[in-house]
């Protein structure tokens, strides 16, 4: 028994090293949190190779030199396919832009309203920004976000609904604090703290119309769920089941972050996640042709643009 007591701390320490690569993968794929552990590089490599999908860009960007710790941006998309029997192209229900600057040791994560009224680049129309994905997939969404925010998007990550559901089941039931009671798809969600499995977690973050804050309320629940996923992932149970977590992501994510880039991120960008600033771009609702939109005022748009540009230019 004495020997087991002496080895337990070492095993726990070893599992914490495993966590570093797992969290770095979740960072690039969902939250932009990162760390490193060479022990599981082969597992992570398999997952990232399956997820790796470069896309043709409308214009070629200046390549980011990760070895020199240059700041970069990532477009994070949650796509409404992959669950509930959906297999169509779908739309991007969640749109976030993250700027990562290791020299200032700061990451800024900005949520964009899915109904934001924007010019759909390459389509010649003004429409809801999330329609860009339905019209032209990830490439058109990137071009649209670049035009709206006036910044380059260096990388992208998409995760579908099935990926979110599988990820929650992999890390274990996620605890959330529901701000108000509601029913969605015949499932009751009482007010207060509760634990959700993958299926119910997906419903929890999809409900929008009964939320008094509309899509902004839903985005708040999405951020709450992500925080719960990360909390479970870094727990002892999460550390011991990292392979199941990677498997849950494998077929449900796509990214142009290559494994070689991921290794550089885990080594050189850890400090950038010591401070994560979360921002919400907020618009004003209006109706046109009986369709509801969110219009970002010029002041709000400039505020978000300047915030992201400062991130990408600081220390360069």
C-alpha atoms as a PDB file:
ATOM      1  CA  UNK A   1       0.000   0.000   0.000  1.00  0.00           C
ATOM      2  CA  UNK A   2       2.888   2.358   0.766  1.00  0.00           C
ATOM      3  CA  UNK A   3       4.278   1.900  -2.740  1.00  0.00           C
ATOM      4  CA  UNK A   4       0.929   2.751  -4.321  1.00  0.00           C
ATOM      5  CA  UNK A   5       0.664   5.918  -2.254  1.00  0.00           C
ATOM      6  CA  UNK A   6       4.106   7.028  -3.454  1.00  0.00           C
ATOM      7  CA  UNK A   7       3.299   6.362  -7.121  1.00  0.00           C
ATOM      8  CA  UNK A   8      -0.099   8.050  -7.182  1.00  0.00           C
ATOM      9  CA  UNK A   9       1.304  11.608  -7.311  1.00  0.00           C
ATOM     10  CA  UNK A  10       3.630  10.595 -10.169  1.00  0.00           C
ATOM     11  CA  UNK A  11       0.731   9.117 -12.133  1.00  0.00           C
ATOM     12  CA  UNK A  12      -1.329  12.245 -11.563  1.00  0.00           C
ATOM     13  CA  UNK A  13       1.613  14.358 -12.732  1.00  0.00           C
ATOM     14  CA  UNK A  14       1.935  12.226 -15.857  1.00  0.00           C
ATOM     15  CA  UNK A  15      -1.762  12.650 -16.633  1.00  0.00           C
ATOM     16  CA  UNK A  16      -1.396  16.411 -16.270  1.00  0.00           C
ATOM     17  CA  UNK A  17       1.265  16.295 -18.976  1.00  0.00           C
ATOM     18  CA  UNK A  18      -1.198  14.439 -21.188  1.00  0.00           C
ATOM     19  CA  UNK A  19      -3.702  17.225 -20.516  1.00  0.00           C
ATOM     20  CA  UNK A  20      -1.425  19.847 -22.039  1.00  0.00           C
ATOM     21  CA  UNK A  21      -1.709  18.519 -25.573  1.00  0.00           C
ATOM     22  CA  UNK A  22      -5.415  17.759 -25.177  1.00  0.00           C
ATOM     23  CA  UNK A  23      -6.187  21.298 -24.081  1.00  0.00           C
ATOM     24  CA  UNK A  24      -4.039  22.736 -26.859  1.00  0.00           C
ATOM     25  CA  UNK A  25      -6.095  20.757 -29.365  1.00  0.00           C
ATOM     26  CA  UNK A  26      -9.348  21.978 -27.827  1.00  0.00           C
ATOM     27  CA  UNK A  27      -7.930  25.475 -27.963  1.00  0.00           C
ATOM     28  CA  UNK A  28      -7.356  25.445 -31.697  1.00  0.00           C
ATOM     29  CA  UNK A  29     -10.586  23.606 -32.299  1.00  0.00           C
ATOM     30  CA  UNK A  30     -12.932  25.380 -29.864  1.00  0.00           C
ATOM     31  CA  UNK A  31     -11.537  27.839 -27.261  1.00  0.00           C
ATOM     32  CA  UNK A  32      -7.925  28.632 -28.192  1.00  0.00           C
ATOM     33  CA  UNK A  33      -6.415  27.277 -24.993  1.00  0.00           C
ATOM     34  CA  UNK A  34      -3.104  25.421 -25.297  1.00  0.00           C
ATOM     35  CA  UNK A  35      -0.196  23.514 -23.745  1.00  0.00           C
ATOM     36  CA  UNK A  36       2.127  20.648 -24.667  1.00  0.00           C
ATOM     37  CA  UNK A  37       2.792  16.960 -23.936  1.00  0.00           C
ATOM     38  CA  UNK A  38       4.932  14.905 -26.315  1.00  0.00           C
ATOM     39  CA  UNK A  39       3.538  11.650 -24.934  1.00  0.00           C
ATOM     40  CA  UNK A  40       0.291  11.960 -26.911  1.00  0.00           C
ATOM     41  CA  UNK A  41       1.590  13.639 -30.068  1.00  0.00           C
ATOM     42  CA  UNK A  42       0.882  10.534 -32.129  1.00  0.00           C
ATOM     43  CA  UNK A  43      -2.745  10.436 -30.975  1.00  0.00           C
ATOM     44  CA  UNK A  44      -3.166  14.134 -31.667  1.00  0.00           C
ATOM     45  CA  UNK A  45      -1.449  13.789 -35.036  1.00  0.00           C
ATOM     46  CA  UNK A  46      -3.959  11.167 -36.135  1.00  0.00           C
ATOM     47  CA  UNK A  47      -6.865  13.405 -35.122  1.00  0.00           C
ATOM     48  CA  UNK A  48      -5.475  16.535 -36.759  1.00  0.00           C
ATOM     49  CA  UNK A  49      -4.648  14.686 -39.978  1.00  0.00           C
ATOM     50  CA  UNK A  50      -8.263  13.528 -40.222  1.00  0.00           C
ATOM     51  CA  UNK A  51      -9.480  17.051 -39.511  1.00  0.00           C
ATOM     52  CA  UNK A  52      -7.016  18.854 -41.776  1.00  0.00           C
ATOM     53  CA  UNK A  53      -8.770  20.454 -44.741  1.00  0.00           C
ATOM     54  CA  UNK A  54      -7.101  23.435 -46.412  1.00  0.00           C
ATOM     55  CA  UNK A  55      -9.347  25.632 -48.515  1.00  0.00           C
ATOM     56  CA  UNK A  56      -8.848  27.797 -51.588  1.00  0.00           C
ATOM     57  CA  UNK A  57      -8.689  31.465 -50.584  1.00  0.00           C
ATOM     58  CA  UNK A  58     -10.031  34.325 -52.672  1.00  0.00           C
ATOM     59  CA  UNK A  59      -6.733  36.063 -52.030  1.00  0.00           C
ATOM     60  CA  UNK A  60      -3.462  34.659 -50.732  1.00  0.00           C
ATOM     61  CA  UNK A  61      -2.543  35.895 -47.301  1.00  0.00           C
ATOM     62  CA  UNK A  62       0.925  36.575 -45.994  1.00  0.00           C
ATOM     63  CA  UNK A  63       1.958  33.399 -44.238  1.00  0.00           C
ATOM     64  CA  UNK A  64       2.275  33.607 -40.473  1.00  0.00           C
ATOM     65  CA  UNK A  65       5.667  32.640 -39.058  1.00  0.00           C
ATOM     66  CA  UNK A  66       4.731  30.751 -35.914  1.00  0.00           C
ATOM     67  CA  UNK A  67       8.413  30.142 -35.135  1.00  0.00           C
ATOM     68  CA  UNK A  68       8.763  33.907 -34.679  1.00  0.00           C
ATOM     69  CA  UNK A  69       5.621  34.002 -32.518  1.00  0.00           C
ATOM     70  CA  UNK A  70       3.723  36.302 -34.844  1.00  0.00           C
ATOM     71  CA  UNK A  71       0.151  37.175 -33.802  1.00  0.00           C
ATOM     72  CA  UNK A  72      -2.573  35.386 -35.756  1.00  0.00           C
ATOM     73  CA  UNK A  73      -6.343  35.115 -36.073  1.00  0.00           C
ATOM     74  CA  UNK A  74      -8.689  32.115 -36.132  1.00  0.00           C
ATOM     75  CA  UNK A  75     -12.287  31.908 -37.313  1.00  0.00           C
ATOM     76  CA  UNK A  76     -14.284  29.466 -35.175  1.00  0.00           C
ATOM     77  CA  UNK A  77     -17.539  28.162 -36.657  1.00  0.00           C
ATOM     78  CA  UNK A  78     -20.185  25.995 -35.028  1.00  0.00           C
ATOM     79  CA  UNK A  79     -22.185  24.503 -37.907  1.00  0.00           C
ATOM     80  CA  UNK A  80     -25.789  23.291 -37.601  1.00  0.00           C
ATOM     81  CA  UNK A  81     -25.211  19.905 -39.249  1.00  0.00           C
ATOM     82  CA  UNK A  82     -24.120  16.487 -38.081  1.00  0.00           C
ATOM     83  CA  UNK A  83     -26.934  15.802 -35.606  1.00  0.00           C
ATOM     84  CA  UNK A  84     -30.700  15.575 -35.487  1.00  0.00           C
ATOM     85  CA  UNK A  85     -30.578  13.818 -38.849  1.00  0.00           C
ATOM     86  CA  UNK A  86     -29.104  16.819 -40.668  1.00  0.00           C
ATOM     87  CA  UNK A  87     -26.600  16.279 -43.461  1.00  0.00           C
ATOM     88  CA  UNK A  88     -27.088  19.373 -45.626  1.00  0.00           C
ATOM     89  CA  UNK A  89     -24.525  22.177 -45.945  1.00  0.00           C
ATOM     90  CA  UNK A  90     -26.218  24.085 -43.143  1.00  0.00           C
ATOM     91  CA  UNK A  91     -25.381  27.473 -41.658  1.00  0.00           C
ATOM     92  CA  UNK A  92     -22.870  28.674 -39.123  1.00  0.00           C
ATOM     93  CA  UNK A  93     -24.874  28.962 -35.909  1.00  0.00           C
ATOM     94  CA  UNK A  94     -21.846  30.146 -33.957  1.00  0.00           C
ATOM     95  CA  UNK A  95     -19.314  32.613 -35.371  1.00  0.00           C
ATOM     96  CA  UNK A  96     -16.316  33.679 -33.313  1.00  0.00           C
ATOM     97  CA  UNK A  97     -13.021  35.334 -34.198  1.00  0.00           C
ATOM     98  CA  UNK A  98     -10.011  34.887 -31.959  1.00  0.00           C
ATOM     99  CA  UNK A  99      -6.793  36.882 -32.168  1.00  0.00           C
ATOM    100  CA  UNK A 100      -3.785  35.371 -30.420  1.00  0.00           C
ATOM    101  CA  UNK A 101      -0.731  37.454 -29.492  1.00  0.00           C
ATOM    102  CA  UNK A 102       2.036  35.623 -27.600  1.00  0.00           C
ATOM    103  CA  UNK A 103       4.156  38.776 -27.240  1.00  0.00           C
ATOM    104  CA  UNK A 104       1.474  40.614 -25.269  1.00  0.00           C
ATOM    105  CA  UNK A 105       0.375  37.278 -23.723  1.00  0.00           C
ATOM    106  CA  UNK A 106      -3.249  37.881 -24.545  1.00  0.00           C
ATOM    107  CA  UNK A 107      -6.055  36.317 -26.594  1.00  0.00           C
ATOM    108  CA  UNK A 108      -9.220  38.167 -27.593  1.00  0.00           C
ATOM    109  CA  UNK A 109     -12.322  36.147 -28.501  1.00  0.00           C
ATOM    110  CA  UNK A 110     -15.159  38.015 -30.236  1.00  0.00           C
ATOM    111  CA  UNK A 111     -18.625  36.580 -30.916  1.00  0.00           C
ATOM    112  CA  UNK A 112     -20.458  37.856 -33.997  1.00  0.00           C
ATOM    113  CA  UNK A 113     -24.274  37.760 -34.157  1.00  0.00           C
ATOM    114  CA  UNK A 114     -25.394  35.052 -36.580  1.00  0.00           C
ATOM    115  CA  UNK A 115     -28.037  37.487 -37.904  1.00  0.00           C
ATOM    116  CA  UNK A 116     -25.581  40.342 -38.431  1.00  0.00           C
ATOM    117  CA  UNK A 117     -26.411  42.196 -41.666  1.00  0.00           C
ATOM    118  CA  UNK A 118     -23.294  42.006 -43.826  1.00  0.00           C
ATOM    119  CA  UNK A 119     -22.081  41.926 -47.402  1.00  0.00           C
ATOM    120  CA  UNK A 120     -21.638  38.300 -48.414  1.00  0.00           C
ATOM    121  CA  UNK A 121     -18.278  38.401 -50.178  1.00  0.00           C
ATOM    122  CA  UNK A 122     -18.322  36.799 -53.608  1.00  0.00           C
ATOM    123  CA  UNK A 123     -22.112  36.503 -53.632  1.00  0.00           C
ATOM    124  CA  UNK A 124     -23.051  40.089 -54.392  1.00  0.00           C
ATOM    125  CA  UNK A 125     -25.743  40.343 -51.706  1.00  0.00           C
ATOM    126  CA  UNK A 126     -26.381  41.809 -48.274  1.00  0.00           C
ATOM    127  CA  UNK A 127     -27.678  39.116 -45.941  1.00  0.00           C
ATOM    128  CA  UNK A 128     -27.341  37.468 -42.570  1.00  0.00           C
ATOM    129  CA  UNK A 129     -23.684  36.704 -42.042  1.00  0.00           C
ATOM    130  CA  UNK A 130     -24.357  33.060 -41.229  1.00  0.00           C
ATOM    131  CA  UNK A 131     -25.844  32.570 -44.720  1.00  0.00           C
ATOM    132  CA  UNK A 132     -22.338  32.860 -46.154  1.00  0.00           C
ATOM    133  CA  UNK A 133     -21.668  29.286 -45.064  1.00  0.00           C
ATOM    134  CA  UNK A 134     -24.789  28.017 -46.830  1.00  0.00           C
ATOM    135  CA  UNK A 135     -23.885  29.939 -50.003  1.00  0.00           C
ATOM    136  CA  UNK A 136     -20.192  29.159 -50.206  1.00  0.00           C
ATOM    137  CA  UNK A 137     -18.994  27.163 -47.236  1.00  0.00           C
ATOM    138  CA  UNK A 138     -16.003  28.062 -45.110  1.00  0.00           C
ATOM    139  CA  UNK A 139     -14.175  29.965 -47.855  1.00  0.00           C
ATOM    140  CA  UNK A 140     -17.033  32.420 -48.391  1.00  0.00           C
ATOM    141  CA  UNK A 141     -17.538  32.792 -44.640  1.00  0.00           C
ATOM    142  CA  UNK A 142     -13.865  33.667 -44.173  1.00  0.00           C
ATOM    143  CA  UNK A 143     -13.983  36.233 -46.974  1.00  0.00           C
ATOM    144  CA  UNK A 144     -17.171  37.742 -45.542  1.00  0.00           C
ATOM    145  CA  UNK A 145     -15.756  38.047 -42.026  1.00  0.00           C
ATOM    146  CA  UNK A 146     -12.517  39.500 -43.372  1.00  0.00           C
ATOM    147  CA  UNK A 147     -14.465  42.154 -45.270  1.00  0.00           C
ATOM    148  CA  UNK A 148     -16.679  42.996 -42.305  1.00  0.00           C
ATOM    149  CA  UNK A 149     -13.883  43.232 -39.726  1.00  0.00           C
ATOM    150  CA  UNK A 150     -11.144  44.488 -42.055  1.00  0.00           C
ATOM    151  CA  UNK A 151      -8.605  41.961 -40.744  1.00  0.00           C
ATOM    152  CA  UNK A 152      -7.035  38.839 -42.254  1.00  0.00           C
ATOM    153  CA  UNK A 153      -8.256  35.446 -41.058  1.00  0.00           C
ATOM    154  CA  UNK A 154      -5.206  33.184 -40.847  1.00  0.00           C
ATOM    155  CA  UNK A 155      -6.845  29.929 -39.786  1.00  0.00           C
ATOM    156  CA  UNK A 156     -10.287  28.408 -39.400  1.00  0.00           C
ATOM    157  CA  UNK A 157     -11.898  25.647 -37.362  1.00  0.00           C
ATOM    158  CA  UNK A 158     -15.408  24.250 -37.829  1.00  0.00           C
ATOM    159  CA  UNK A 159     -17.188  21.844 -35.507  1.00  0.00           C
ATOM    160  CA  UNK A 160     -20.636  20.429 -36.225  1.00  0.00           C
ATOM    161  CA  UNK A 161     -23.456  19.652 -33.833  1.00  0.00           C
ATOM    162  CA  UNK A 162     -22.563  15.986 -33.600  1.00  0.00           C
ATOM    163  CA  UNK A 163     -19.072  17.025 -32.528  1.00  0.00           C
ATOM    164  CA  UNK A 164     -20.441  19.103 -29.660  1.00  0.00           C
ATOM    165  CA  UNK A 165     -22.721  16.275 -28.539  1.00  0.00           C
ATOM    166  CA  UNK A 166     -19.950  13.675 -28.731  1.00  0.00           C
ATOM    167  CA  UNK A 167     -17.482  15.941 -26.950  1.00  0.00           C
ATOM    168  CA  UNK A 168     -19.806  16.440 -23.982  1.00  0.00           C
ATOM    169  CA  UNK A 169     -20.374  12.685 -23.730  1.00  0.00           C
ATOM    170  CA  UNK A 170     -16.599  12.140 -23.896  1.00  0.00           C
ATOM    171  CA  UNK A 171     -15.754  14.519 -21.038  1.00  0.00           C
ATOM    172  CA  UNK A 172     -18.800  13.553 -18.965  1.00  0.00           C
ATOM    173  CA  UNK A 173     -21.977  15.388 -18.021  1.00  0.00           C
ATOM    174  CA  UNK A 174     -21.397  19.138 -18.023  1.00  0.00           C
ATOM    175  CA  UNK A 175     -22.695  21.329 -15.208  1.00  0.00           C
ATOM    176  CA  UNK A 176     -24.483  24.532 -16.199  1.00  0.00           C
ATOM    177  CA  UNK A 177     -26.480  27.159 -14.354  1.00  0.00           C
ATOM    178  CA  UNK A 178     -29.654  27.783 -16.337  1.00  0.00           C
ATOM    179  CA  UNK A 179     -30.844  31.411 -15.898  1.00  0.00           C
ATOM    180  CA  UNK A 180     -34.526  30.573 -16.525  1.00  0.00           C
ATOM    181  CA  UNK A 181     -36.748  27.537 -17.043  1.00  0.00           C
ATOM    182  CA  UNK A 182     -37.666  26.530 -20.578  1.00  0.00           C
ATOM    183  CA  UNK A 183     -38.712  23.553 -22.674  1.00  0.00           C
ATOM    184  CA  UNK A 184     -37.040  22.725 -25.970  1.00  0.00           C
ATOM    185  CA  UNK A 185     -37.733  19.740 -28.201  1.00  0.00           C
ATOM    186  CA  UNK A 186     -39.867  18.115 -25.477  1.00  0.00           C
ATOM    187  CA  UNK A 187     -37.056  18.393 -22.931  1.00  0.00           C
ATOM    188  CA  UNK A 188     -37.535  20.481 -19.787  1.00  0.00           C
ATOM    189  CA  UNK A 189     -34.668  22.599 -18.504  1.00  0.00           C
ATOM    190  CA  UNK A 190     -35.464  23.911 -15.006  1.00  0.00           C
ATOM    191  CA  UNK A 191     -33.927  27.081 -13.667  1.00  0.00           C
ATOM    192  CA  UNK A 192     -30.716  26.594 -11.740  1.00  0.00           C
ATOM    193  CA  UNK A 193     -27.720  24.284 -11.661  1.00  0.00           C
ATOM    194  CA  UNK A 194     -27.996  20.994 -13.541  1.00  0.00           C
ATOM    195  CA  UNK A 195     -25.832  18.460 -15.362  1.00  0.00           C
ATOM    196  CA  UNK A 196     -26.350  17.757 -19.049  1.00  0.00           C
ATOM    197  CA  UNK A 197     -25.344  14.849 -21.246  1.00  0.00           C
ATOM    198  CA  UNK A 198     -24.416  15.403 -24.894  1.00  0.00           C
ATOM    199  CA  UNK A 199     -27.953  15.275 -26.290  1.00  0.00           C
ATOM    200  CA  UNK A 200     -29.398  17.682 -23.733  1.00  0.00           C
ATOM    201  CA  UNK A 201     -26.362  19.960 -23.870  1.00  0.00           C
ATOM    202  CA  UNK A 202     -26.917  20.382 -27.585  1.00  0.00           C
ATOM    203  CA  UNK A 203     -30.546  21.296 -26.991  1.00  0.00           C
ATOM    204  CA  UNK A 204     -29.531  23.675 -24.206  1.00  0.00           C
ATOM    205  CA  UNK A 205     -27.339  25.737 -26.529  1.00  0.00           C
ATOM    206  CA  UNK A 206     -29.654  25.584 -29.535  1.00  0.00           C
ATOM    207  CA  UNK A 207     -32.754  27.136 -27.969  1.00  0.00           C
ATOM    208  CA  UNK A 208     -33.106  30.775 -29.002  1.00  0.00           C
ATOM    209  CA  UNK A 209     -36.673  31.982 -29.506  1.00  0.00           C
ATOM    210  CA  UNK A 210     -37.800  31.579 -25.875  1.00  0.00           C
ATOM    211  CA  UNK A 211     -34.747  33.408 -24.560  1.00  0.00           C
ATOM    212  CA  UNK A 212     -35.566  37.018 -23.575  1.00  0.00           C
ATOM    213  CA  UNK A 213     -32.142  38.027 -24.928  1.00  0.00           C
ATOM    214  CA  UNK A 214     -32.586  36.103 -28.169  1.00  0.00           C
ATOM    215  CA  UNK A 215     -29.400  35.020 -29.878  1.00  0.00           C
ATOM    216  CA  UNK A 216     -27.260  36.924 -27.381  1.00  0.00           C
ATOM    217  CA  UNK A 217     -28.733  34.788 -24.612  1.00  0.00           C
ATOM    218  CA  UNK A 218     -28.020  31.661 -26.596  1.00  0.00           C
ATOM    219  CA  UNK A 219     -24.425  32.736 -27.146  1.00  0.00           C
ATOM    220  CA  UNK A 220     -24.084  33.228 -23.387  1.00  0.00           C
ATOM    221  CA  UNK A 221     -25.294  29.640 -22.874  1.00  0.00           C
ATOM    222  CA  UNK A 222     -22.822  28.463 -25.510  1.00  0.00           C
ATOM    223  CA  UNK A 223     -19.961  30.111 -23.650  1.00  0.00           C
ATOM    224  CA  UNK A 224     -21.236  28.549 -20.424  1.00  0.00           C
ATOM    225  CA  UNK A 225     -21.250  25.098 -22.005  1.00  0.00           C
ATOM    226  CA  UNK A 226     -17.731  25.565 -23.379  1.00  0.00           C
ATOM    227  CA  UNK A 227     -16.511  26.541 -19.910  1.00  0.00           C
ATOM    228  CA  UNK A 228     -18.104  23.373 -18.530  1.00  0.00           C
ATOM    229  CA  UNK A 229     -16.467  21.221 -21.200  1.00  0.00           C
ATOM    230  CA  UNK A 230     -13.048  22.670 -20.412  1.00  0.00           C
ATOM    231  CA  UNK A 231     -13.603  22.200 -16.660  1.00  0.00           C
ATOM    232  CA  UNK A 232     -14.404  18.523 -17.196  1.00  0.00           C
ATOM    233  CA  UNK A 233     -11.564  18.062 -19.664  1.00  0.00           C
ATOM    234  CA  UNK A 234      -8.953  19.249 -17.157  1.00  0.00           C
ATOM    235  CA  UNK A 235     -10.363  17.115 -14.354  1.00  0.00           C
ATOM    236  CA  UNK A 236      -8.719  13.814 -13.398  1.00  0.00           C
ATOM    237  CA  UNK A 237     -11.445  11.923 -15.284  1.00  0.00           C
ATOM    238  CA  UNK A 238     -10.935  14.075 -18.346  1.00  0.00           C
ATOM    239  CA  UNK A 239      -7.188  13.498 -18.287  1.00  0.00           C
ATOM    240  CA  UNK A 240      -7.607   9.745 -18.178  1.00  0.00           C
ATOM    241  CA  UNK A 241     -10.011   9.691 -21.145  1.00  0.00           C
ATOM    242  CA  UNK A 242      -8.154  11.984 -23.559  1.00  0.00           C
ATOM    243  CA  UNK A 243      -8.219   9.385 -26.353  1.00  0.00           C
ATOM    244  CA  UNK A 244     -12.024   9.232 -26.210  1.00  0.00           C
ATOM    245  CA  UNK A 245     -12.144  13.029 -26.392  1.00  0.00           C
ATOM    246  CA  UNK A 246      -9.867  13.113 -29.420  1.00  0.00           C
ATOM    247  CA  UNK A 247     -11.967  10.417 -31.088  1.00  0.00           C
ATOM    248  CA  UNK A 248     -15.124  12.448 -30.485  1.00  0.00           C
ATOM    249  CA  UNK A 249     -13.572  15.363 -32.336  1.00  0.00           C
ATOM    250  CA  UNK A 250     -11.950  13.457 -35.183  1.00  0.00           C
ATOM    251  CA  UNK A 251     -14.790  13.156 -37.704  1.00  0.00           C
ATOM    252  CA  UNK A 252     -16.686  16.244 -36.600  1.00  0.00           C
ATOM    253  CA  UNK A 253     -14.152  19.008 -37.068  1.00  0.00           C
ATOM    254  CA  UNK A 254     -12.347  20.552 -40.009  1.00  0.00           C
ATOM    255  CA  UNK A 255      -9.418  22.950 -39.867  1.00  0.00           C
ATOM    256  CA  UNK A 256      -6.498  24.247 -41.884  1.00  0.00           C
ATOM    257  CA  UNK A 257      -4.226  24.122 -38.835  1.00  0.00           C
ATOM    258  CA  UNK A 258      -1.610  21.546 -39.803  1.00  0.00           C
ATOM    259  CA  UNK A 259      -0.120  19.220 -37.217  1.00  0.00           C
ATOM    260  CA  UNK A 260       3.270  20.884 -37.641  1.00  0.00           C
ATOM    261  CA  UNK A 261       1.631  24.231 -36.823  1.00  0.00           C
ATOM    262  CA  UNK A 262      -0.104  22.717 -33.816  1.00  0.00           C
ATOM    263  CA  UNK A 263       3.242  21.588 -32.423  1.00  0.00           C
ATOM    264  CA  UNK A 264       4.594  25.123 -32.758  1.00  0.00           C
ATOM    265  CA  UNK A 265       1.499  26.521 -31.058  1.00  0.00           C
ATOM    266  CA  UNK A 266       1.914  24.188 -28.113  1.00  0.00           C
ATOM    267  CA  UNK A 267       5.558  25.187 -27.660  1.00  0.00           C
ATOM    268  CA  UNK A 268       5.558  28.888 -28.415  1.00  0.00           C
ATOM    269  CA  UNK A 269       2.074  30.278 -27.742  1.00  0.00           C
ATOM    270  CA  UNK A 270       1.222  29.071 -24.246  1.00  0.00           C
ATOM    271  CA  UNK A 271       1.760  32.511 -22.748  1.00  0.00           C
ATOM    272  CA  UNK A 272      -0.848  34.006 -25.082  1.00  0.00           C
ATOM    273  CA  UNK A 273      -3.564  32.213 -23.149  1.00  0.00           C
ATOM    274  CA  UNK A 274      -2.667  33.534 -19.719  1.00  0.00           C
ATOM    275  CA  UNK A 275      -5.270  36.232 -20.376  1.00  0.00           C
ATOM    276  CA  UNK A 276      -8.377  35.600 -22.495  1.00  0.00           C
ATOM    277  CA  UNK A 277     -10.654  38.556 -23.130  1.00  0.00           C
ATOM    278  CA  UNK A 278     -14.193  37.716 -24.258  1.00  0.00           C
ATOM    279  CA  UNK A 279     -16.154  40.250 -26.299  1.00  0.00           C
ATOM    280  CA  UNK A 280     -19.612  40.288 -27.899  1.00  0.00           C
ATOM    281  CA  UNK A 281     -20.306  42.385 -30.991  1.00  0.00           C
ATOM    282  CA  UNK A 282     -23.846  43.676 -30.465  1.00  0.00           C
ATOM    283  CA  UNK A 283     -26.200  45.016 -33.097  1.00  0.00           C
ATOM    284  CA  UNK A 284     -29.613  46.621 -33.240  1.00  0.00           C
ATOM    285  CA  UNK A 285     -32.533  44.610 -34.565  1.00  0.00           C
ATOM    286  CA  UNK A 286     -34.403  45.630 -37.691  1.00  0.00           C
ATOM    287  CA  UNK A 287     -36.753  43.986 -40.179  1.00  0.00           C
ATOM    288  CA  UNK A 288     -36.436  44.033 -43.945  1.00  0.00           C
ATOM    289  CA  UNK A 289     -38.721  42.114 -46.324  1.00  0.00           C
ATOM    290  CA  UNK A 290     -40.226  40.456 -43.230  1.00  0.00           C
ATOM    291  CA  UNK A 291     -36.828  39.075 -42.207  1.00  0.00           C
ATOM    292  CA  UNK A 292     -35.130  40.017 -38.936  1.00  0.00           C
ATOM    293  CA  UNK A 293     -31.507  41.153 -38.905  1.00  0.00           C
ATOM    294  CA  UNK A 294     -28.970  42.657 -36.519  1.00  0.00           C
ATOM    295  CA  UNK A 295     -27.238  45.824 -37.719  1.00  0.00           C
ATOM    296  CA  UNK A 296     -23.846  46.613 -36.238  1.00  0.00           C
ATOM    297  CA  UNK A 297     -23.564  50.373 -35.837  1.00  0.00           C
ATOM    298  CA  UNK A 298     -20.511  52.066 -37.325  1.00  0.00           C
ATOM    299  CA  UNK A 299     -19.293  52.824 -33.791  1.00  0.00           C
ATOM    300  CA  UNK A 300     -19.647  49.203 -32.674  1.00  0.00           C
ATOM    301  CA  UNK A 301     -17.986  47.911 -35.823  1.00  0.00           C
ATOM    302  CA  UNK A 302     -15.055  50.291 -35.426  1.00  0.00           C
ATOM    303  CA  UNK A 303     -14.710  49.265 -31.769  1.00  0.00           C
ATOM    304  CA  UNK A 304     -14.450  45.586 -32.665  1.00  0.00           C
ATOM    305  CA  UNK A 305     -12.145  46.251 -35.622  1.00  0.00           C
ATOM    306  CA  UNK A 306      -9.754  48.349 -33.553  1.00  0.00           C
ATOM    307  CA  UNK A 307      -9.727  45.763 -30.765  1.00  0.00           C
ATOM    308  CA  UNK A 308      -8.742  42.964 -33.144  1.00  0.00           C
ATOM    309  CA  UNK A 309      -6.267  45.064 -35.129  1.00  0.00           C
ATOM    310  CA  UNK A 310      -4.522  46.154 -31.949  1.00  0.00           C
ATOM    311  CA  UNK A 311      -4.132  42.497 -31.061  1.00  0.00           C
ATOM    312  CA  UNK A 312      -2.655  41.587 -34.426  1.00  0.00           C
ATOM    313  CA  UNK A 313      -0.302  44.558 -34.545  1.00  0.00           C
ATOM    314  CA  UNK A 314       0.976  44.705 -30.966  1.00  0.00           C
ATOM    315  CA  UNK A 315       4.593  43.709 -30.595  1.00  0.00           C
ATOM    316  CA  UNK A 316       5.066  43.228 -34.336  1.00  0.00           C
END
